[in-house]
Structures are given as C-alpha cells and as structure tokens.
Amino acid sequence: MSADNQKGLALAVSSSLFIGASFIIKKKGLKRAGATGVRAGVGGYSYLYEPLWWAGMITMLVGEVANFTAYAFAPAVLVTPLGALSIIVSAALAHVVLKERLHTLGVVGCVLCIVGSTTIVLHAPKEQTIDSVEKVWGLATEPAFLLYTTAVVAVVLLLIFHYVPQCGHTHVLVYIAICSLMGSLSVMSVKALGIALKLTFQGQNQLIYPQTSVFAMVVITCVLTQMNYLNKALDTFNTAVVSPIYYVMFTSLTILASAIMFKDWDQQSAAEIITELCGFVTILSGTFLLHATKDMGDSSSNMGHVKRPEDTMENEEIPLRRTESIRTP
C-alpha cells in the first residue's frame, strides 16, 4: 500500500471512530436535555443548551474534517466504503453506553463489515499522482465523465420535476436516487477541492485557479440538494428503510463516478477489481444485517414492559454515517 493510501486509510478510519462516537454522545445529550425540557422529537430545542450535545457535534465535525482530508490522499473506492465502520462503532458504544443490546446477528453484521473493509483495504488501487487542480479539471472534462455528469443531471431533473410530485411520498427510491446521484458528484468535487487544498498547503497555491472555485460551487450545490431531499426522505419514510438503501446507492454511484473520473481501476487486474467488489458486497451484507436486527436485542428484555412516554425519548435509530453527516450540519 502506498504512503498516500496509508494516510487516507488512517484518516478514513479515524473519521469513522469520531463520527460513530458522535452519534452516541449526541443521543446522550438529547436524552439529558429532554429530561429537563421539551424533547427534540416533538419540536423542542432544549438540546441547544446541553453541553453534551455540542460535544457530540464537535466530535462529528472532527470526523467530517478527517473524512474530507482522506479523499485528498486515497481513492474514493477505498475511503467511501469504510464509512460503514462508523456503524460498528455506534453499535458497540450503544451496547456499552446506552445499554442497547446488540443481537447475535448484529454481531455477525459487524464482523462482515470488518471483513469487507479489510478486503477492500488490502486490494485498494494506488492513488495517482496529481500535481495541480488543472489536472483534476482535465479529468473532470474528459468525455466519459462529462457523459456521466450529463446523465446524472438529466436523471435528477427528471426525478425532481416529474416523479417527485407524482410519487415522491410513496416511493422511497425517488428521494434517495436524487441524494445518491448528487452525492456521487459532490464526492468527486470534494476530492478535487481536497487535492487543491493539499497542494496549497504544500506551497503550490491552487486557490488562484478558477477551477478551484468551480469545484467549491459544485460541492455547495450538490450538498444542499442532498440535504433537502434526504430530509424529505427521512421525514416521509422509516429511517431503517432509508439508511441502508441510501448507503448502497450512494456508495455504489460514488465508486462508479470515481472509476470513471480518476480511473481507479486502470492499473489493476480483473482479479483485484473483483476482490474489491466482493469486499463491498460483504460490507453491504453486514450493513443490512445490522439494520434488520438492531431492534431485536431489546425485544426479550422489553417483553411485558409497558413503555412509558419517557422511555421513547429520542428513540431514533442510529443512522448510517452519510445519512447523519449530511442531515446534521
């Protein structure tokens, strides 16, 4: 593994640790705030006065900065799937800190996520050397990626103006498809922006190039669109349905976009590519297993127990990393 990939790996893993822990810290803060004020679930904002909730937000911010930086060093095919590790951190800490029991199948799901992540890490492609933001712009304006971008924008516009009014509130894939498609473009722009900042800090100022500003504007546009339609999806459909589907679509499209723009797989053999895809499928299996069984752990302990209103305080499942990351800022 190259030195840059090692840096990207370390940043991606630390990002998952911080973001996974932030879910638990924020939930503890929400519970503490709800005990003395109006719960967030019914429109209250007492959590804004709770230091523990802000500690969780700061922890998440640190994780997001680490994740942003990771894209400057390692390919998206390595960084993006590792976001699933935050689920393991959340599940483990919820079991210990929040006393939310983890079902045996949930443990199996965690193991699958670890095995899949390890497989991808061991076979990840080497990050190509890029010495200017103009080179990134050249990759972004090649015919193949321009065709992908045009297709994404066309599909998103079709979904927004035709399918959202007709079936957005009944078909979860409509909102999630918009978020995932725009998300794939946002990650490519984030990576380009990260490379520009890395080179700038190394003494090669890339902020003077107009391409850097264009990438920044694309990031803002894509993220705002993601936030809008992801919030619609979460408000309309169950989080347990939205989170895994969004993770699958977002990660798959991001890997595809990266393979087209940065040609991640050009220097790899067919066996290495297939192994990485198998690792990705393994992570997906673990993710779905975790979400399918996350409510089973407490079923036996809650049997015969009449749930009081205070027991439901902020009883919201811990969502996947990308869902929470985009939803919270």
Protein backbone atom coordinates (compact mmCIF):
# COMPACT_ATOMS: atom_id res chain seq x y z
CA MET A 1 0.00 0.00 0.00
CA SER A 2 1.33 3.42 -0.97
CA ALA A 3 2.14 6.08 1.61
CA ASP A 4 -0.77 8.26 0.45
CA ASN A 5 -3.18 5.34 0.72
CA GLN A 6 -1.95 4.69 4.25
CA LYS A 7 -2.63 8.32 5.17
CA GLY A 8 -6.07 8.16 3.57
CA LEU A 9 -6.83 4.89 5.36
CA ALA A 10 -5.79 6.30 8.75
CA LEU A 11 -7.92 9.40 8.19
CA ALA A 12 -10.94 7.38 7.00
CA VAL A 13 -10.79 5.02 9.99
CA SER A 14 -10.34 7.87 12.47
CA SER A 15 -13.25 9.64 10.79
CA SER A 16 -15.46 6.60 11.38
CA LEU A 17 -14.37 6.44 15.02
CA PHE A 18 -15.20 10.10 15.64
CA ILE A 19 -18.50 10.06 13.73
CA GLY A 20 -19.63 6.77 15.25
CA ALA A 21 -18.89 8.09 18.74
CA SER A 22 -20.62 11.39 17.98
CA PHE A 23 -23.96 9.61 17.44
CA ILE A 24 -23.83 8.23 20.98
CA ILE A 25 -22.66 11.47 22.56
CA LYS A 26 -25.41 13.45 20.84
CA LYS A 27 -28.04 10.92 21.81
CA LYS A 28 -26.92 11.10 25.45
CA GLY A 29 -27.13 14.88 25.21
CA LEU A 30 -30.62 14.70 23.68
CA LYS A 31 -31.81 12.41 26.46
CA ARG A 32 -30.36 14.67 29.13
CA ALA A 33 -31.90 17.75 27.51
CA GLY A 34 -35.26 16.01 27.10
CA ALA A 35 -35.34 15.16 30.80
CA THR A 36 -35.40 18.85 31.71
CA GLY A 37 -37.05 20.46 28.68
CA VAL A 38 -39.06 19.81 25.53
CA ARG A 39 -37.80 16.81 23.55
CA ALA A 40 -36.37 17.37 20.08
CA GLY A 41 -38.73 14.73 18.74
CA VAL A 42 -41.72 16.96 19.46
CA GLY A 43 -40.16 20.19 18.23
CA GLY A 44 -38.13 21.28 21.25
CA TYR A 45 -34.71 22.92 21.10
CA SER A 46 -33.57 22.49 24.68
CA TYR A 47 -30.67 20.36 23.43
CA LEU A 48 -29.03 23.54 22.15
CA TYR A 49 -28.31 24.41 25.81
CA GLU A 50 -26.86 20.97 26.55
CA PRO A 51 -23.01 20.87 26.54
CA LEU A 52 -23.01 17.12 25.88
CA TRP A 53 -24.92 17.60 22.63
CA TRP A 54 -22.43 20.22 21.49
CA ALA A 55 -19.60 17.86 22.39
CA GLY A 56 -21.17 15.35 20.03
CA MET A 57 -21.44 17.97 17.29
CA ILE A 58 -17.78 18.92 17.69
CA THR A 59 -16.81 15.24 17.59
CA MET A 60 -18.76 14.81 14.36
CA LEU A 61 -17.14 17.92 12.89
CA VAL A 62 -13.69 16.48 13.61
CA GLY A 63 -14.73 13.26 11.92
CA GLU A 64 -16.04 15.08 8.85
CA VAL A 65 -12.80 17.07 8.53
CA ALA A 66 -10.84 13.81 8.68
CA ASN A 67 -13.14 12.27 6.06
CA PHE A 68 -12.77 15.32 3.79
CA THR A 69 -8.98 15.14 4.10
CA ALA A 70 -8.92 11.40 3.42
CA TYR A 71 -10.21 11.98 -0.12
CA ALA A 72 -7.15 14.12 -0.84
CA PHE A 73 -4.85 11.16 -0.21
CA ALA A 74 -6.73 7.99 -1.15
CA PRO A 75 -9.15 6.94 -3.92
CA ALA A 76 -12.88 7.08 -3.26
CA VAL A 77 -13.12 3.31 -3.75
CA LEU A 78 -11.09 2.98 -0.52
CA VAL A 79 -12.48 5.88 1.54
CA THR A 80 -16.22 5.73 0.86
CA PRO A 81 -16.98 2.08 1.80
CA LEU A 82 -15.07 2.50 5.07
CA GLY A 83 -17.88 4.77 6.22
CA ALA A 84 -19.64 1.56 7.28
CA LEU A 85 -17.15 1.25 10.16
CA SER A 86 -18.96 4.09 11.94
CA ILE A 87 -21.96 1.76 12.21
CA ILE A 88 -19.86 -0.75 14.12
CA VAL A 89 -18.54 1.95 16.45
CA SER A 90 -22.09 3.21 17.07
CA ALA A 91 -23.46 -0.28 17.67
CA ALA A 92 -20.66 -1.19 20.08
CA LEU A 93 -20.88 2.06 22.05
CA ALA A 94 -24.70 1.88 22.12
CA HIS A 95 -24.39 -1.59 23.64
CA VAL A 96 -21.95 -0.38 26.32
CA VAL A 97 -23.04 3.21 26.99
CA LEU A 98 -26.75 3.25 26.18
CA LYS A 99 -27.39 -0.36 27.23
CA GLU A 100 -28.98 -1.10 23.86
CA ARG A 101 -28.44 -4.82 23.47
CA LEU A 102 -26.83 -5.99 20.24
CA HIS A 103 -28.43 -9.11 18.75
CA THR A 104 -26.18 -12.04 17.84
CA LEU A 105 -26.92 -11.47 14.17
CA GLY A 106 -25.94 -7.85 14.70
CA VAL A 107 -22.53 -9.06 15.86
CA VAL A 108 -22.30 -11.14 12.69
CA GLY A 109 -23.14 -7.99 10.72
CA CYS A 110 -20.28 -6.14 12.44
CA VAL A 111 -17.88 -8.96 11.59
CA LEU A 112 -18.99 -8.88 7.95
CA CYS A 113 -18.37 -5.12 7.80
CA ILE A 114 -14.87 -5.60 9.21
CA VAL A 115 -14.06 -8.45 6.81
CA GLY A 116 -15.36 -6.49 3.83
CA SER A 117 -13.44 -3.37 4.85
CA THR A 118 -10.24 -5.36 5.28
CA THR A 119 -10.67 -6.91 1.85
CA ILE A 120 -11.06 -3.50 0.22
CA VAL A 121 -8.11 -2.03 2.13
CA LEU A 122 -5.78 -4.87 1.09
CA HIS A 123 -6.70 -4.56 -2.59
CA ALA A 124 -7.34 -0.82 -2.92
CA PRO A 125 -5.90 0.86 -6.03
CA LYS A 126 -2.98 3.22 -5.72
CA GLU A 127 -3.84 6.91 -5.79
CA GLN A 128 -2.49 8.54 -8.94
CA THR A 129 -0.12 11.50 -8.62
CA ILE A 130 -1.85 14.82 -9.28
CA ASP A 131 0.25 17.98 -9.18
CA SER A 132 -2.33 20.68 -9.96
CA VAL A 133 -6.05 21.38 -9.85
CA GLU A 134 -5.87 21.91 -13.61
CA LYS A 135 -5.05 18.22 -13.99
CA VAL A 136 -8.14 17.34 -11.95
CA TRP A 137 -10.16 19.67 -14.16
CA GLY A 138 -8.78 17.82 -17.17
CA LEU A 139 -10.02 14.53 -15.72
CA ALA A 140 -13.42 16.06 -14.96
CA THR A 141 -13.83 17.35 -18.51
CA GLU A 142 -12.96 14.14 -20.31
CA PRO A 143 -15.81 12.79 -22.50
CA ALA A 144 -16.55 9.77 -20.29
CA PHE A 145 -17.06 11.78 -17.10
CA LEU A 146 -18.89 14.57 -18.92
CA LEU A 147 -21.29 11.92 -20.21
CA TYR A 148 -21.75 10.59 -16.67
CA THR A 149 -22.31 14.10 -15.29
CA THR A 150 -24.82 14.93 -18.02
CA ALA A 151 -26.69 11.69 -17.37
CA VAL A 152 -26.78 12.39 -13.61
CA VAL A 153 -28.08 15.94 -14.04
CA ALA A 154 -30.70 14.79 -16.57
CA VAL A 155 -31.96 11.99 -14.32
CA VAL A 156 -32.03 14.27 -11.26
CA LEU A 157 -34.02 16.93 -13.11
CA LEU A 158 -36.44 14.28 -14.39
CA LEU A 159 -36.91 12.94 -10.88
CA ILE A 160 -37.39 16.38 -9.32
CA PHE A 161 -39.85 17.79 -11.84
CA HIS A 162 -41.73 14.67 -12.92
CA TYR A 163 -41.52 11.88 -10.36
CA VAL A 164 -41.27 13.79 -7.06
CA PRO A 165 -44.72 15.46 -7.46
CA GLN A 166 -46.30 12.18 -8.58
CA CYS A 167 -44.80 9.51 -6.36
CA GLY A 168 -42.14 11.09 -4.13
CA HIS A 169 -44.22 10.43 -1.00
CA THR A 170 -44.92 6.81 -1.85
CA HIS A 171 -41.68 5.51 -3.41
CA VAL A 172 -38.58 5.83 -1.25
CA LEU A 173 -36.23 5.36 -4.22
CA VAL A 174 -37.22 8.71 -5.73
CA TYR A 175 -35.76 10.85 -2.95
CA ILE A 176 -32.82 8.51 -2.33
CA ALA A 177 -31.90 8.39 -6.01
CA ILE A 178 -31.66 12.19 -6.10
CA CYS A 179 -29.45 12.22 -2.98
CA SER A 180 -27.22 9.42 -4.22
CA LEU A 181 -26.73 10.77 -7.73
CA MET A 182 -25.88 14.26 -6.47
CA GLY A 183 -23.77 12.70 -3.75
CA SER A 184 -21.53 10.97 -6.29
CA LEU A 185 -20.80 14.34 -7.92
CA SER A 186 -20.26 16.01 -4.55
CA VAL A 187 -17.62 13.43 -3.55
CA MET A 188 -15.72 13.94 -6.82
CA SER A 189 -15.76 17.70 -6.23
CA VAL A 190 -14.78 17.26 -2.57
CA LYS A 191 -11.83 15.14 -3.68
CA ALA A 192 -10.80 17.79 -6.22
CA LEU A 193 -11.12 20.52 -3.60
CA GLY A 194 -9.16 18.44 -1.11
CA ILE A 195 -6.34 17.94 -3.59
CA ALA A 196 -6.27 21.68 -4.29
CA LEU A 197 -6.01 22.49 -0.58
CA LYS A 198 -3.36 19.81 -0.01
CA LEU A 199 -1.20 21.24 -2.79
CA THR A 200 -1.79 24.77 -1.50
CA PHE A 201 -0.58 23.79 1.99
CA GLN A 202 2.47 22.20 0.35
CA GLY A 203 3.38 25.57 -1.17
CA GLN A 204 1.71 25.25 -4.58
CA ASN A 205 -1.14 27.75 -4.40
CA GLN A 206 -4.16 26.31 -6.21
CA LEU A 207 -6.66 28.88 -4.94
CA ILE A 208 -5.72 31.27 -7.75
CA TYR A 209 -7.19 28.94 -10.36
CA PRO A 210 -10.87 29.43 -11.29
CA GLN A 211 -11.32 25.66 -11.40
CA THR A 212 -10.96 25.53 -7.60
CA SER A 213 -13.90 27.92 -7.21
CA VAL A 214 -15.97 25.88 -9.67
CA PHE A 215 -15.37 22.70 -7.68
CA ALA A 216 -16.32 24.54 -4.47
CA MET A 217 -19.58 25.76 -6.03
CA VAL A 218 -20.41 22.23 -7.21
CA VAL A 219 -19.85 20.93 -3.68
CA ILE A 220 -22.20 23.53 -2.20
CA THR A 221 -24.91 22.92 -4.81
CA CYS A 222 -24.77 19.13 -4.52
CA VAL A 223 -24.69 19.09 -0.71
CA LEU A 224 -27.64 21.49 -0.43
CA THR A 225 -29.64 19.31 -2.82
CA GLN A 226 -28.71 16.21 -0.85
CA MET A 227 -29.73 17.81 2.44
CA ASN A 228 -33.08 18.89 1.04
CA TYR A 229 -34.16 15.57 -0.41
CA LEU A 230 -32.57 13.42 2.27
CA ASN A 231 -34.56 15.30 4.91
CA LYS A 232 -37.68 14.72 2.81
CA ALA A 233 -36.91 11.00 2.69
CA LEU A 234 -36.26 10.79 6.43
CA ASP A 235 -39.41 12.76 7.20
CA THR A 236 -41.56 10.57 4.94
CA PHE A 237 -40.12 7.07 5.37
CA ASN A 238 -38.69 4.95 8.18
CA THR A 239 -35.01 5.57 8.94
CA ALA A 240 -34.41 1.81 8.99
CA VAL A 241 -35.50 1.74 5.33
CA VAL A 242 -33.83 4.96 4.16
CA SER A 243 -30.38 4.44 5.72
CA PRO A 244 -29.27 1.11 4.18
CA ILE A 245 -30.75 1.87 0.75
CA TYR A 246 -29.08 5.28 0.73
CA TYR A 247 -25.74 3.78 1.79
CA VAL A 248 -25.88 1.20 -1.00
CA MET A 249 -26.85 3.65 -3.76
CA PHE A 250 -24.57 6.45 -2.59
CA THR A 251 -21.50 4.23 -2.23
CA SER A 252 -22.12 2.34 -5.48
CA LEU A 253 -22.53 5.52 -7.52
CA THR A 254 -19.53 7.16 -5.84
CA ILE A 255 -17.31 4.19 -6.70
CA LEU A 256 -18.61 4.27 -10.28
CA ALA A 257 -18.02 8.02 -10.62
CA SER A 258 -14.50 7.69 -9.20
CA ALA A 259 -13.69 4.81 -11.53
CA ILE A 260 -14.77 6.95 -14.50
CA MET A 261 -13.14 10.23 -13.48
CA PHE A 262 -9.96 9.11 -11.71
CA LYS A 263 -9.65 5.74 -13.49
CA ASP A 264 -9.07 3.97 -10.19
CA TRP A 265 -9.10 0.51 -11.75
CA ASP A 266 -6.97 1.11 -14.85
CA GLN A 267 -3.80 -0.22 -13.21
CA GLN A 268 -5.48 -3.19 -11.52
CA SER A 269 -6.08 -6.73 -12.68
CA ALA A 270 -9.54 -8.22 -13.07
CA ALA A 271 -8.94 -10.39 -10.00
CA GLU A 272 -8.16 -7.36 -7.83
CA ILE A 273 -11.24 -5.49 -9.03
CA ILE A 274 -13.49 -8.50 -8.41
CA THR A 275 -11.98 -8.92 -4.94
CA GLU A 276 -12.74 -5.28 -4.10
CA LEU A 277 -16.32 -5.67 -5.32
CA CYS A 278 -16.70 -8.81 -3.20
CA GLY A 279 -15.47 -6.83 -0.20
CA PHE A 280 -18.02 -4.13 -0.96
CA VAL A 281 -20.84 -6.69 -1.20
CA THR A 282 -19.69 -8.15 2.13
CA ILE A 283 -19.95 -4.70 3.75
CA LEU A 284 -23.42 -4.26 2.27
CA SER A 285 -24.49 -7.62 3.70
CA GLY A 286 -23.22 -6.66 7.14
CA THR A 287 -24.91 -3.27 6.94
CA PHE A 288 -28.30 -4.74 6.04
CA LEU A 289 -27.94 -7.39 8.74
CA LEU A 290 -27.19 -4.73 11.37
CA HIS A 291 -30.23 -2.69 10.38
CA ALA A 292 -32.50 -5.71 10.12
CA THR A 293 -31.65 -6.92 13.63
CA LYS A 294 -30.97 -3.71 15.56
CA ASP A 295 -34.37 -3.81 17.29
CA MET A 296 -34.17 -7.50 18.19
CA GLY A 297 -31.68 -7.11 21.01
CA ASP A 298 -34.14 -5.42 23.33
CA SER A 299 -37.19 -7.46 22.35
CA SER A 300 -36.77 -10.07 25.03
CA SER A 301 -35.85 -7.62 27.76
CA ASN A 302 -38.78 -5.38 26.88
CA MET A 303 -41.31 -8.21 26.79
CA GLY A 304 -44.12 -7.48 29.19
CA HIS A 305 -42.84 -3.99 29.87
CA VAL A 306 -45.32 -1.19 29.25
CA LYS A 307 -43.46 1.61 27.50
CA ARG A 308 -43.88 4.97 29.18
CA PRO A 309 -43.65 8.27 27.32
CA GLU A 310 -40.24 8.98 28.80
CA ASP A 311 -38.97 5.64 27.53
CA THR A 312 -39.42 6.83 23.96
CA MET A 313 -37.29 9.91 24.49
CA GLU A 314 -35.39 10.47 21.30
CA ASN A 315 -35.85 6.83 20.41
CA GLU A 316 -34.37 7.26 16.97
CA GLU A 317 -32.20 4.61 15.37
CA ILE A 318 -28.57 5.47 14.87
CA PRO A 319 -28.41 6.04 11.14
CA LEU A 320 -25.63 5.34 8.72
CA ARG A 321 -22.70 7.69 8.60
CA ARG A 322 -23.53 9.51 5.35
CA THR A 323 -27.19 9.98 6.39
CA GLU A 324 -26.29 11.56 9.70
CA SER A 325 -23.38 13.52 8.27
CA ILE A 326 -25.44 15.28 5.63
CA ARG A 327 -28.53 15.62 7.76
CA THR A 328 -26.92 17.30 10.77
CA PRO A 329 -24.82 20.32 9.64
